[in-house]
C-alpha atoms as a PDB file:
ATOM      1  CA  MET A   1      87.571 112.209 119.167  1.00  0.00           C
ATOM      2  CA  SER A   2      85.632 109.218 120.393  1.00  0.00           C
ATOM      3  CA  ILE A   3      85.370 105.494 118.270  1.00  0.00           C
ATOM      4  CA  THR A   4      84.412 102.477 119.120  1.00  0.00           C
ATOM      5  CA  ALA A   5      86.923  99.935 119.764  1.00  0.00           C
ATOM      6  CA  SER A   6      85.565  97.434 117.046  1.00  0.00           C
ATOM      7  CA  ASP A   7      86.317 100.817 114.197  1.00  0.00           C
ATOM      8  CA  LEU A   8      89.409 101.039 115.894  1.00  0.00           C
ATOM      9  CA  GLU A   9      90.642  97.706 114.960  1.00  0.00           C
ATOM     10  CA  GLN A  10      89.396  98.216 111.914  1.00  0.00           C
ATOM     11  CA  LEU A  11      91.818 100.777 111.607  1.00  0.00           C
ATOM     12  CA  ARG A  12      94.672  99.644 112.980  1.00  0.00           C
ATOM     13  CA  ARG A  13      94.526  96.164 110.909  1.00  0.00           C
ATOM     14  CA  HIS A  14      94.290  98.440 107.463  1.00  0.00           C
ATOM     15  CA  GLY A  15      97.513  99.608 108.960  1.00  0.00           C
ATOM     16  CA  GLU A  16      99.375  96.286 109.543  1.00  0.00           C
ATOM     17  CA  ASP A  17      97.487  94.853 105.855  1.00  0.00           C
ATOM     18  CA  ALA A  18      99.018  97.352 104.067  1.00  0.00           C
ATOM     19  CA  TYR A  19     102.357  97.281 105.778  1.00  0.00           C
ATOM     20  CA  PRO A  20     105.205  98.104 104.599  1.00  0.00           C
ATOM     21  CA  ALA A  21     103.027 100.705 102.846  1.00  0.00           C
ATOM     22  CA  GLU A  22     101.176 103.526 104.395  1.00  0.00           C
ATOM     23  CA  CYS A  23      97.219 102.809 104.709  1.00  0.00           C
ATOM     24  CA  CYS A  24      94.640 105.744 104.486  1.00  0.00           C
ATOM     25  CA  GLY A  25      90.749 106.253 104.887  1.00  0.00           C
ATOM     26  CA  ILE A  26      87.910 108.683 106.093  1.00  0.00           C
ATOM     27  CA  LEU A  27      86.693 108.477 109.223  1.00  0.00           C
ATOM     28  CA  LEU A  28      82.835 109.505 109.185  1.00  0.00           C
ATOM     29  CA  GLY A  29      80.769 110.439 112.170  1.00  0.00           C
ATOM     30  CA  LYS A  30      79.129 113.519 113.688  1.00  0.00           C
ATOM     31  CA  PHE A  31      80.718 116.817 115.182  1.00  0.00           C
ATOM     32  CA  GLU A  32      79.427 116.848 119.002  1.00  0.00           C
ATOM     33  CA  GLY A  33      79.663 119.992 120.878  1.00  0.00           C
ATOM     34  CA  ASP A  34      83.527 120.459 120.470  1.00  0.00           C
ATOM     35  CA  GLY A  35      84.541 116.698 119.695  1.00  0.00           C
ATOM     36  CA  ARG A  36      84.126 114.463 117.213  1.00  0.00           C
ATOM     37  CA  ARG A  37      82.621 110.920 117.320  1.00  0.00           C
ATOM     38  CA  VAL A  38      83.428 108.168 114.876  1.00  0.00           C
ATOM     39  CA  TYR A  39      80.166 106.338 113.564  1.00  0.00           C
ATOM     40  CA  SER A  40      82.123 104.079 110.378  1.00  0.00           C
ATOM     41  CA  ILE A  41      85.619 104.367 108.761  1.00  0.00           C
ATOM     42  CA  VAL A  42      85.815 104.416 105.248  1.00  0.00           C
ATOM     43  CA  PRO A  43      89.421 102.313 104.224  1.00  0.00           C
ATOM     44  CA  CYS A  44      90.612 103.986 101.071  1.00  0.00           C
ATOM     45  CA  GLN A  45      93.323 102.750  98.407  1.00  0.00           C
ATOM     46  CA  ASN A  46      96.730 104.506  99.176  1.00  0.00           C
ATOM     47  CA  ALA A  47      96.686 106.448  95.475  1.00  0.00           C
ATOM     48  CA  CYS A  48     100.174 107.662  96.020  1.00  0.00           C
ATOM     49  CA  ALA A  49     102.342 106.712  92.497  1.00  0.00           C
ATOM     50  CA  ASP A  50     105.487 105.936  94.287  1.00  0.00           C
ATOM     51  CA  GLY A  51     106.565 106.711  98.080  1.00  0.00           C
ATOM     52  CA  ARG A  52     103.723 104.639  98.846  1.00  0.00           C
ATOM     53  CA  SER A  53     105.875 103.341 102.686  1.00  0.00           C
ATOM     54  CA  THR A  54     106.688 107.277 103.531  1.00  0.00           C
ATOM     55  CA  HIS A  55     103.157 108.876 101.828  1.00  0.00           C
ATOM     56  CA  PHE A  56      99.630 108.414 101.458  1.00  0.00           C
ATOM     57  CA  VAL A  57      97.062 109.752  98.611  1.00  0.00           C
ATOM     58  CA  ILE A  58      93.318 109.396  98.930  1.00  0.00           C
ATOM     59  CA  ASP A  59      91.606 110.030  95.681  1.00  0.00           C
ATOM     60  CA  PRO A  60      89.187 113.085  95.570  1.00  0.00           C
ATOM     61  CA  ARG A  61      86.753 110.330  94.121  1.00  0.00           C
ATOM     62  CA  GLU A  62      86.889 108.428  97.137  1.00  0.00           C
ATOM     63  CA  VAL A  63      86.460 111.413  99.229  1.00  0.00           C
ATOM     64  CA  ILE A  64      83.466 112.800  97.476  1.00  0.00           C
ATOM     65  CA  GLN A  65      82.085 108.538  97.758  1.00  0.00           C
ATOM     66  CA  ALA A  66      82.614 108.988 101.205  1.00  0.00           C
ATOM     67  CA  GLN A  67      80.865 112.275 101.412  1.00  0.00           C
ATOM     68  CA  ARG A  68      77.751 110.880  99.710  1.00  0.00           C
ATOM     69  CA  ALA A  69      77.603 107.723 101.421  1.00  0.00           C
ATOM     70  CA  GLY A  70      77.777 109.451 104.583  1.00  0.00           C
ATOM     71  CA  ARG A  71      75.195 111.841 103.796  1.00  0.00           C
ATOM     72  CA  ASP A  72      72.517 108.786 103.193  1.00  0.00           C
ATOM     73  CA  LEU A  73      73.367 107.946 106.755  1.00  0.00           C
ATOM     74  CA  GLY A  74      73.363 111.196 108.253  1.00  0.00           C
ATOM     75  CA  LEU A  75      76.786 111.316 108.933  1.00  0.00           C
ATOM     76  CA  GLU A  76      79.810 113.598 107.460  1.00  0.00           C
ATOM     77  CA  ILE A  77      83.847 113.516 107.302  1.00  0.00           C
ATOM     78  CA  VAL A  78      85.021 113.897 110.736  1.00  0.00           C
ATOM     79  CA  GLY A  79      88.453 113.255 110.136  1.00  0.00           C
ATOM     80  CA  PHE A  80      90.734 110.999 108.074  1.00  0.00           C
ATOM     81  CA  TYR A  81      93.037 108.533 109.644  1.00  0.00           C
ATOM     82  CA  HIS A  82      96.633 107.049 107.919  1.00  0.00           C
ATOM     83  CA  SER A  83      99.311 104.752 109.137  1.00  0.00           C
ATOM     84  CA  HIS A  84     103.356 105.098 109.936  1.00  0.00           C
ATOM     85  CA  PRO A  85     105.246 101.934 109.081  1.00  0.00           C
ATOM     86  CA  ASP A  86     108.168 101.611 110.958  1.00  0.00           C
ATOM     87  CA  HIS A  87     107.776 104.992 112.763  1.00  0.00           C
ATOM     88  CA  PRO A  88     105.928 106.855 115.671  1.00  0.00           C
ATOM     89  CA  ALA A  89     102.441 107.637 115.277  1.00  0.00           C
ATOM     90  CA  GLN A  90     103.072 111.084 115.136  1.00  0.00           C
ATOM     91  CA  TRP A  91     102.607 113.836 112.396  1.00  0.00           C
ATOM     92  CA  SER A  92     105.076 115.440 109.914  1.00  0.00           C
ATOM     93  CA  PRO A  93     105.702 118.034 108.454  1.00  0.00           C
ATOM     94  CA  THR A  94     104.385 116.985 105.462  1.00  0.00           C
ATOM     95  CA  ASP A  95     101.542 115.439 107.399  1.00  0.00           C
ATOM     96  CA  LEU A  96     100.398 118.754 108.412  1.00  0.00           C
ATOM     97  CA  GLU A  97     101.434 120.748 104.856  1.00  0.00           C
ATOM     98  CA  GLU A  98      98.963 118.126 102.921  1.00  0.00           C
ATOM     99  CA  ALA A  99      96.439 118.277 105.850  1.00  0.00           C
ATOM    100  CA  HIS A 100      93.052 120.667 104.780  1.00  0.00           C
ATOM    101  CA  TRP A 101      90.347 119.701 106.855  1.00  0.00           C
ATOM    102  CA  ILE A 102      90.395 122.008 109.835  1.00  0.00           C
ATOM    103  CA  GLY A 103      88.324 121.071 112.565  1.00  0.00           C
ATOM    104  CA  CYS A 104      88.649 117.334 111.616  1.00  0.00           C
ATOM    105  CA  SER A 105      90.737 114.945 113.565  1.00  0.00           C
ATOM    106  CA  TYR A 106      93.700 112.903 112.265  1.00  0.00           C
ATOM    107  CA  LEU A 107      94.464 109.765 113.255  1.00  0.00           C
ATOM    108  CA  ILE A 108      97.954 108.318 112.643  1.00  0.00           C
ATOM    109  CA  THR A 109      98.466 104.449 113.659  1.00  0.00           C
ATOM    110  CA  SER A 110     102.658 103.451 114.053  1.00  0.00           C
ATOM    111  CA  VAL A 111     102.587 100.278 112.378  1.00  0.00           C
ATOM    112  CA  GLU A 112     106.015  98.829 113.583  1.00  0.00           C
ATOM    113  CA  ARG A 113     107.377  95.320 111.881  1.00  0.00           C
ATOM    114  CA  GLY A 114     103.745  94.960 110.327  1.00  0.00           C
ATOM    115  CA  ARG A 115     101.632  95.315 114.044  1.00  0.00           C
ATOM    116  CA  SER A 116      99.921  98.528 114.788  1.00  0.00           C
ATOM    117  CA  THR A 117     101.359  99.270 118.196  1.00  0.00           C
ATOM    118  CA  THR A 118     100.427 102.880 118.944  1.00  0.00           C
ATOM    119  CA  THR A 119      97.487 105.231 117.483  1.00  0.00           C
ATOM    120  CA  ASN A 120      96.914 108.521 118.435  1.00  0.00           C
ATOM    121  CA  SER A 121      94.725 111.574 117.242  1.00  0.00           C
ATOM    122  CA  PHE A 122      95.450 115.408 116.447  1.00  0.00           C
ATOM    123  CA  LEU A 123      93.091 118.049 115.855  1.00  0.00           C
ATOM    124  CA  LEU A 124      93.803 120.476 112.478  1.00  0.00           C
ATOM    125  CA  THR A 125      93.042 123.590 114.502  1.00  0.00           C
ATOM    126  CA  GLY A 126      93.425 127.309 112.279  1.00  0.00           C
ATOM    127  CA  THR A 127      91.295 129.825 110.276  1.00  0.00           C
ATOM    128  CA  LEU A 128      93.458 129.392 107.136  1.00  0.00           C
ATOM    129  CA  GLU A 129      96.292 127.516 105.538  1.00  0.00           C
ATOM    130  CA  GLU A 130      98.963 130.051 106.681  1.00  0.00           C
ATOM    131  CA  ASN A 131      97.985 129.189 110.266  1.00  0.00           C
ATOM    132  CA  LYS A 132      96.883 125.680 110.723  1.00  0.00           C
ATOM    133  CA  ALA A 133      98.662 123.662 113.306  1.00  0.00           C
ATOM    134  CA  PHE A 134      97.902 119.882 114.729  1.00  0.00           C
ATOM    135  CA  VAL A 135      96.955 119.997 118.790  1.00  0.00           C
ATOM    136  CA  SER A 136      96.880 116.498 120.188  1.00  0.00           C
ATOM    137  CA  GLU A 137      93.500 115.234 121.068  1.00  0.00           C
ATOM    138  CA  GLU A 138      92.525 112.368 123.565  1.00  0.00           C
ATOM    139  CA  LEU A 139      91.307 109.304 121.577  1.00  0.00           C
ATOM    140  CA  SER A 140      88.146 107.839 123.396  1.00  0.00           C
ATOM    141  CA  VAL A 141      87.554 104.242 122.647  1.00  0.00           C
ATOM    142  CA  LYS A 142      83.975 103.296 123.650  1.00  0.00           C
END
């Protein structure tokens, strides 16, 4: 997973601005070989009705809008991001259960006391819902 320093900073600021709720968003880019390169991030509203400090939901309409905007730029959805307020930047069982875009990256940024500290990337692998898994991947900042 490759991302520019400015896009990573924007993602991390989104987490800080949303604190103590989880932030969420979409990563637009290109699949390049076995990797993904982010060219744009799309911050989304956390549409979770309650429990926003431990859960997030991206409205499907925002996903469709991002797909259309990406298509106009020659980009596609290569991943998603969200924050973990006062928790490590590691995926949870709920994160895995609710991840469905196999082959995409999932970035998680830890926001401790309102400050983004660590961001990690995980690739969703597998072929079906029954055998999907997160695998840690290098986050290359350019």
